[in-house]
Amino acid sequence: MLSAYSLPETLEAGGQTLAVRSRGDWRVVIDAMIALGDPELKESERAYAALNIFYAEDPGTFKDPEAAFRAMSEFMDAGSQEAENAPKRPKLIDWETDGALVVSGVNKVLGQEIRALPYMHWWTFMAAYMGIGEGALSTVVGIRDKLARGRKLDKTEKDFRRDNPQYFQMDRKALKAGRDMLLELWGEEPSE
């Protein structure tokens, strides 16, 4: 179990200590997340690519690749211990599409340009991300949430959606494939 009061740079998985590439820098984690959602790769290729990006070691050397994947997932969740039976929520953030909005919000929270920093641990990045208040990102996420729940948009939201279609064209097939892959790794049956 990961502690919320540390910034881990290695993870225990399947009896091995595995180093997180670049000491867990936020850019590495986002690249791994993007690989997990790459619709051009097969499911097994996405998992391997994400592990290869995330860990400093070659995934072919892992004693237990599934444990390494679970450890990576927990790290990506910034060590949060969400209940296994928690309801599944719709994907509201696309790290690739929303990159500029996310970086802008994190920059505002931290008061500096994070892309200019040589290093920032993922958990530090996520703490700042969780502190993003009102702005373009919260508008996009709020509209996506309403759409996912089948709720009506008000006139301002409809206008924003019409004027910014690039934020509302998430690839449904890629989203389902990523969810199914995680469910299978956790021993659950993917839904049809």
C-alpha atoms as a PDB file:
ATOM      1  CA  MET A   1       0.000   0.000   0.000  1.00  0.00           C
ATOM      2  CA  LEU A   2       1.324   3.406  -0.983  1.00  0.00           C
ATOM      3  CA  SER A   3       1.451   6.208   1.578  1.00  0.00           C
ATOM      4  CA  ALA A   4      -0.117   9.540   0.680  1.00  0.00           C
ATOM      5  CA  TYR A   5       2.638  11.249   2.666  1.00  0.00           C
ATOM      6  CA  SER A   6       5.554  10.180   0.511  1.00  0.00           C
ATOM      7  CA  LEU A   7       6.556  10.519  -3.129  1.00  0.00           C
ATOM      8  CA  PRO A   8       7.428   6.971  -4.206  1.00  0.00           C
ATOM      9  CA  GLU A   9       9.971   6.469  -6.950  1.00  0.00           C
ATOM     10  CA  THR A  10       9.913   2.654  -6.793  1.00  0.00           C
ATOM     11  CA  LEU A  11       7.030   0.204  -6.493  1.00  0.00           C
ATOM     12  CA  GLU A  12       6.781  -3.324  -5.108  1.00  0.00           C
ATOM     13  CA  ALA A  13       5.188  -5.744  -7.558  1.00  0.00           C
ATOM     14  CA  GLY A  14       5.334  -9.525  -7.633  1.00  0.00           C
ATOM     15  CA  GLY A  15       8.292  -9.728  -5.261  1.00  0.00           C
ATOM     16  CA  GLN A  16      10.307  -7.150  -7.209  1.00  0.00           C
ATOM     17  CA  THR A  17      11.185  -3.548  -6.559  1.00  0.00           C
ATOM     18  CA  LEU A  18      10.588  -1.684  -9.814  1.00  0.00           C
ATOM     19  CA  ALA A  19      11.847   1.834 -10.494  1.00  0.00           C
ATOM     20  CA  VAL A  20       9.369   4.311 -11.930  1.00  0.00           C
ATOM     21  CA  ARG A  21      10.952   6.010 -14.942  1.00  0.00           C
ATOM     22  CA  SER A  22      12.202   9.562 -14.311  1.00  0.00           C
ATOM     23  CA  ARG A  23      11.444   9.175 -10.585  1.00  0.00           C
ATOM     24  CA  GLY A  24       7.700   9.405 -11.262  1.00  0.00           C
ATOM     25  CA  ASP A  25       7.702  12.659 -13.224  1.00  0.00           C
ATOM     26  CA  TRP A  26       4.219  13.749 -14.321  1.00  0.00           C
ATOM     27  CA  ARG A  27       5.106  13.643 -18.036  1.00  0.00           C
ATOM     28  CA  VAL A  28       5.993   9.940 -17.853  1.00  0.00           C
ATOM     29  CA  VAL A  29       2.690   9.066 -16.202  1.00  0.00           C
ATOM     30  CA  ILE A  30       0.636  11.035 -18.715  1.00  0.00           C
ATOM     31  CA  ASP A  31       2.520   9.375 -21.590  1.00  0.00           C
ATOM     32  CA  ALA A  32       1.718   5.958 -20.080  1.00  0.00           C
ATOM     33  CA  MET A  33      -1.960   6.924 -19.720  1.00  0.00           C
ATOM     34  CA  ILE A  34      -2.058   8.038 -23.344  1.00  0.00           C
ATOM     35  CA  ALA A  35      -0.564   4.681 -24.385  1.00  0.00           C
ATOM     36  CA  LEU A  36      -3.289   2.875 -22.412  1.00  0.00           C
ATOM     37  CA  GLY A  37      -5.921   4.648 -24.474  1.00  0.00           C
ATOM     38  CA  ASP A  38      -4.239   4.376 -27.882  1.00  0.00           C
ATOM     39  CA  PRO A  39      -6.930   3.031 -30.226  1.00  0.00           C
ATOM     40  CA  GLU A  40      -4.316   2.026 -32.830  1.00  0.00           C
ATOM     41  CA  LEU A  41      -2.760  -0.578 -30.536  1.00  0.00           C
ATOM     42  CA  LYS A  42      -4.163  -3.949 -29.541  1.00  0.00           C
ATOM     43  CA  GLU A  43      -5.096  -4.377 -25.897  1.00  0.00           C
ATOM     44  CA  SER A  44      -1.940  -6.319 -25.017  1.00  0.00           C
ATOM     45  CA  GLU A  45       0.205  -3.782 -26.896  1.00  0.00           C
ATOM     46  CA  ARG A  46      -1.365  -0.891 -24.947  1.00  0.00           C
ATOM     47  CA  ALA A  47      -0.603  -2.573 -21.629  1.00  0.00           C
ATOM     48  CA  TYR A  48       2.968  -3.407 -22.664  1.00  0.00           C
ATOM     49  CA  ALA A  49       3.560   0.113 -24.033  1.00  0.00           C
ATOM     50  CA  ALA A  50       2.267   1.700 -20.826  1.00  0.00           C
ATOM     51  CA  LEU A  51       4.454  -0.553 -18.655  1.00  0.00           C
ATOM     52  CA  ASN A  52       7.465   0.155 -20.883  1.00  0.00           C
ATOM     53  CA  ILE A  53       6.928   3.917 -20.642  1.00  0.00           C
ATOM     54  CA  PHE A  54       6.169   3.882 -16.918  1.00  0.00           C
ATOM     55  CA  TYR A  55       8.910   1.619 -15.545  1.00  0.00           C
ATOM     56  CA  ALA A  56      12.655   2.013 -15.996  1.00  0.00           C
ATOM     57  CA  GLU A  57      12.947  -1.778 -16.370  1.00  0.00           C
ATOM     58  CA  ASP A  58      11.944  -3.800 -19.437  1.00  0.00           C
ATOM     59  CA  PRO A  59       8.474  -5.304 -18.826  1.00  0.00           C
ATOM     60  CA  GLY A  60       9.817  -8.587 -20.230  1.00  0.00           C
ATOM     61  CA  THR A  61      11.866  -8.956 -17.030  1.00  0.00           C
ATOM     62  CA  PHE A  62       8.905  -8.628 -14.641  1.00  0.00           C
ATOM     63  CA  LYS A  63       8.197 -11.661 -12.447  1.00  0.00           C
ATOM     64  CA  ASP A  64       4.514 -10.737 -12.350  1.00  0.00           C
ATOM     65  CA  PRO A  65       3.404  -8.303 -15.110  1.00  0.00           C
ATOM     66  CA  GLU A  66      -0.163  -8.155 -13.751  1.00  0.00           C
ATOM     67  CA  ALA A  67       1.127  -7.076 -10.333  1.00  0.00           C
ATOM     68  CA  ALA A  68       3.313  -4.473 -12.062  1.00  0.00           C
ATOM     69  CA  PHE A  69       0.252  -3.210 -13.925  1.00  0.00           C
ATOM     70  CA  ARG A  70      -1.803  -3.008 -10.713  1.00  0.00           C
ATOM     71  CA  ALA A  71       1.046  -1.153  -8.959  1.00  0.00           C
ATOM     72  CA  MET A  72       1.264   1.267 -11.885  1.00  0.00           C
ATOM     73  CA  SER A  73      -2.506   1.836 -11.731  1.00  0.00           C
ATOM     74  CA  GLU A  74      -2.409   2.542  -7.994  1.00  0.00           C
ATOM     75  CA  PHE A  75       0.477   4.966  -8.532  1.00  0.00           C
ATOM     76  CA  MET A  76      -1.485   6.702 -11.313  1.00  0.00           C
ATOM     77  CA  ASP A  77      -4.376   7.099  -8.858  1.00  0.00           C
ATOM     78  CA  ALA A  78      -1.892   8.952  -6.631  1.00  0.00           C
ATOM     79  CA  GLY A  79      -2.110   6.210  -4.028  1.00  0.00           C
ATOM     80  CA  SER A  80      -5.817   6.676  -3.400  1.00  0.00           C
ATOM     81  CA  GLN A  81      -7.539   3.632  -2.001  1.00  0.00           C
ATOM     82  CA  GLU A  82     -10.869   3.734  -3.819  1.00  0.00           C
ATOM     83  CA  ALA A  83     -13.309   1.045  -2.833  1.00  0.00           C
ATOM     84  CA  GLU A  84     -13.332  -1.906  -5.213  1.00  0.00           C
ATOM     85  CA  ASN A  85     -17.122  -1.792  -5.360  1.00  0.00           C
ATOM     86  CA  ALA A  86     -17.266   1.954  -6.013  1.00  0.00           C
ATOM     87  CA  PRO A  87     -19.522   2.818  -8.926  1.00  0.00           C
ATOM     88  CA  LYS A  88     -17.736   3.223 -12.234  1.00  0.00           C
ATOM     89  CA  ARG A  89     -17.667   6.820 -13.385  1.00  0.00           C
ATOM     90  CA  PRO A  90     -17.571   8.007 -16.980  1.00  0.00           C
ATOM     91  CA  LYS A  91     -14.264   9.228 -18.385  1.00  0.00           C
ATOM     92  CA  LEU A  92     -14.338  12.995 -18.143  1.00  0.00           C
ATOM     93  CA  ILE A  93     -10.670  13.808 -18.825  1.00  0.00           C
ATOM     94  CA  ASP A  94      -8.635  12.893 -21.884  1.00  0.00           C
ATOM     95  CA  TRP A  95      -5.023  13.606 -20.960  1.00  0.00           C
ATOM     96  CA  GLU A  96      -3.991  14.070 -24.586  1.00  0.00           C
ATOM     97  CA  THR A  97      -6.917  16.217 -25.774  1.00  0.00           C
ATOM     98  CA  ASP A  98      -7.146  18.211 -22.563  1.00  0.00           C
ATOM     99  CA  GLY A  99      -3.410  18.649 -22.036  1.00  0.00           C
ATOM    100  CA  ALA A 100      -3.348  22.423 -22.537  1.00  0.00           C
ATOM    101  CA  LEU A 101      -6.342  22.913 -20.224  1.00  0.00           C
ATOM    102  CA  VAL A 102      -4.835  20.693 -17.531  1.00  0.00           C
ATOM    103  CA  VAL A 103      -1.415  22.343 -17.681  1.00  0.00           C
ATOM    104  CA  SER A 104      -2.990  25.798 -17.603  1.00  0.00           C
ATOM    105  CA  GLY A 105      -4.985  24.917 -14.490  1.00  0.00           C
ATOM    106  CA  VAL A 106      -2.013  23.335 -12.703  1.00  0.00           C
ATOM    107  CA  ASN A 107       0.153  26.341 -13.625  1.00  0.00           C
ATOM    108  CA  LYS A 108      -2.453  28.624 -12.044  1.00  0.00           C
ATOM    109  CA  VAL A 109      -2.593  26.554  -8.832  1.00  0.00           C
ATOM    110  CA  LEU A 110       1.207  26.378  -8.469  1.00  0.00           C
ATOM    111  CA  GLY A 111       1.910  29.893  -9.728  1.00  0.00           C
ATOM    112  CA  GLN A 112       4.524  28.744 -12.224  1.00  0.00           C
ATOM    113  CA  GLU A 113       4.985  27.134 -15.633  1.00  0.00           C
ATOM    114  CA  ILE A 114       5.280  23.430 -14.858  1.00  0.00           C
ATOM    115  CA  ARG A 115       6.551  22.481 -18.326  1.00  0.00           C
ATOM    116  CA  ALA A 116       9.687  24.525 -17.603  1.00  0.00           C
ATOM    117  CA  LEU A 117      10.431  22.494 -14.475  1.00  0.00           C
ATOM    118  CA  PRO A 118      12.918  19.655 -15.012  1.00  0.00           C
ATOM    119  CA  TYR A 119      11.007  17.426 -12.562  1.00  0.00           C
ATOM    120  CA  MET A 120       7.719  17.254 -10.705  1.00  0.00           C
ATOM    121  CA  HIS A 121       6.480  14.060  -9.087  1.00  0.00           C
ATOM    122  CA  TRP A 122       3.116  12.802 -10.374  1.00  0.00           C
ATOM    123  CA  TRP A 123       1.527  13.002  -6.927  1.00  0.00           C
ATOM    124  CA  THR A 124       2.575  16.662  -6.577  1.00  0.00           C
ATOM    125  CA  PHE A 125       1.099  17.293 -10.016  1.00  0.00           C
ATOM    126  CA  MET A 126      -2.130  15.506  -9.023  1.00  0.00           C
ATOM    127  CA  ALA A 127      -2.404  17.465  -5.777  1.00  0.00           C
ATOM    128  CA  ALA A 128      -2.235  20.675  -7.801  1.00  0.00           C
ATOM    129  CA  TYR A 129      -4.622  19.232 -10.396  1.00  0.00           C
ATOM    130  CA  MET A 130      -7.155  18.501  -7.655  1.00  0.00           C
ATOM    131  CA  GLY A 131      -6.902  22.161  -6.612  1.00  0.00           C
ATOM    132  CA  ILE A 132      -7.942  23.512 -10.001  1.00  0.00           C
ATOM    133  CA  GLY A 133     -11.027  25.650  -9.514  1.00  0.00           C
ATOM    134  CA  GLU A 134     -13.213  27.492 -11.978  1.00  0.00           C
ATOM    135  CA  GLY A 135     -11.885  27.801 -15.499  1.00  0.00           C
ATOM    136  CA  ALA A 136     -11.933  26.239 -18.933  1.00  0.00           C
ATOM    137  CA  LEU A 137     -11.129  22.730 -17.658  1.00  0.00           C
ATOM    138  CA  SER A 138     -13.943  22.754 -15.100  1.00  0.00           C
ATOM    139  CA  THR A 139     -16.343  23.994 -17.793  1.00  0.00           C
ATOM    140  CA  VAL A 140     -15.350  21.163 -20.160  1.00  0.00           C
ATOM    141  CA  VAL A 141     -15.542  18.516 -17.423  1.00  0.00           C
ATOM    142  CA  GLY A 142     -18.888  19.854 -16.201  1.00  0.00           C
ATOM    143  CA  ILE A 143     -20.385  19.650 -19.695  1.00  0.00           C
ATOM    144  CA  ARG A 144     -18.968  16.144 -20.253  1.00  0.00           C
ATOM    145  CA  ASP A 145     -20.409  15.043 -16.932  1.00  0.00           C
ATOM    146  CA  LYS A 146     -23.867  16.346 -17.854  1.00  0.00           C
ATOM    147  CA  LEU A 147     -23.673  14.652 -21.253  1.00  0.00           C
ATOM    148  CA  ALA A 148     -22.579  11.346 -19.699  1.00  0.00           C
ATOM    149  CA  ARG A 149     -25.476  11.475 -17.227  1.00  0.00           C
ATOM    150  CA  GLY A 150     -28.007  12.492 -19.883  1.00  0.00           C
ATOM    151  CA  ARG A 151     -28.663  15.873 -18.254  1.00  0.00           C
ATOM    152  CA  LYS A 152     -29.705  18.989 -20.136  1.00  0.00           C
ATOM    153  CA  LEU A 153     -27.147  21.663 -20.941  1.00  0.00           C
ATOM    154  CA  ASP A 154     -28.029  25.296 -20.359  1.00  0.00           C
ATOM    155  CA  LYS A 155     -27.648  27.844 -23.167  1.00  0.00           C
ATOM    156  CA  THR A 156     -24.130  28.905 -22.122  1.00  0.00           C
ATOM    157  CA  GLU A 157     -22.980  25.272 -21.994  1.00  0.00           C
ATOM    158  CA  LYS A 158     -24.539  24.527 -25.386  1.00  0.00           C
ATOM    159  CA  ASP A 159     -22.758  27.551 -26.848  1.00  0.00           C
ATOM    160  CA  PHE A 160     -19.443  26.515 -25.304  1.00  0.00           C
ATOM    161  CA  ARG A 161     -19.842  22.980 -26.664  1.00  0.00           C
ATOM    162  CA  ARG A 162     -20.697  24.270 -30.138  1.00  0.00           C
ATOM    163  CA  ASP A 163     -17.746  26.705 -30.136  1.00  0.00           C
ATOM    164  CA  ASN A 164     -15.252  24.116 -28.785  1.00  0.00           C
ATOM    165  CA  PRO A 165     -16.114  20.770 -30.417  1.00  0.00           C
ATOM    166  CA  GLN A 166     -12.535  19.479 -30.021  1.00  0.00           C
ATOM    167  CA  TYR A 167     -13.211  18.889 -26.311  1.00  0.00           C
ATOM    168  CA  PHE A 168     -16.281  16.727 -26.873  1.00  0.00           C
ATOM    169  CA  GLN A 169     -15.166  14.140 -29.435  1.00  0.00           C
ATOM    170  CA  MET A 170     -13.684  11.477 -27.164  1.00  0.00           C
ATOM    171  CA  ASP A 171     -13.221   8.089 -28.836  1.00  0.00           C
ATOM    172  CA  ARG A 172     -15.872   5.774 -27.303  1.00  0.00           C
ATOM    173  CA  LYS A 173     -14.279   2.585 -28.704  1.00  0.00           C
ATOM    174  CA  ALA A 174     -10.898   3.406 -27.134  1.00  0.00           C
ATOM    175  CA  LEU A 175     -12.574   4.235 -23.823  1.00  0.00           C
ATOM    176  CA  LYS A 176     -14.410   0.888 -23.717  1.00  0.00           C
ATOM    177  CA  ALA A 177     -11.276  -1.032 -24.715  1.00  0.00           C
ATOM    178  CA  GLY A 178      -9.259   0.573 -21.887  1.00  0.00           C
ATOM    179  CA  ARG A 179     -11.996  -0.128 -19.336  1.00  0.00           C
ATOM    180  CA  ASP A 180     -12.331  -3.746 -20.501  1.00  0.00           C
ATOM    181  CA  MET A 181      -8.574  -4.277 -20.249  1.00  0.00           C
ATOM    182  CA  LEU A 182      -8.514  -3.057 -16.644  1.00  0.00           C
ATOM    183  CA  LEU A 183     -11.542  -5.163 -15.718  1.00  0.00           C
ATOM    184  CA  GLU A 184      -9.873  -8.291 -17.138  1.00  0.00           C
ATOM    185  CA  LEU A 185      -6.677  -7.560 -15.217  1.00  0.00           C
ATOM    186  CA  TRP A 186      -8.751  -7.276 -12.055  1.00  0.00           C
ATOM    187  CA  GLY A 187     -10.446 -10.595 -12.803  1.00  0.00           C
ATOM    188  CA  GLU A 188     -13.813  -9.128 -13.757  1.00  0.00           C
ATOM    189  CA  GLU A 189     -15.828  -9.764 -16.909  1.00  0.00           C
ATOM    190  CA  PRO A 190     -15.966  -6.830 -19.351  1.00  0.00           C
ATOM    191  CA  SER A 191     -19.456  -5.655 -20.205  1.00  0.00           C
ATOM    192  CA  GLU A 192     -20.774  -6.002 -23.738  1.00  0.00           C
END
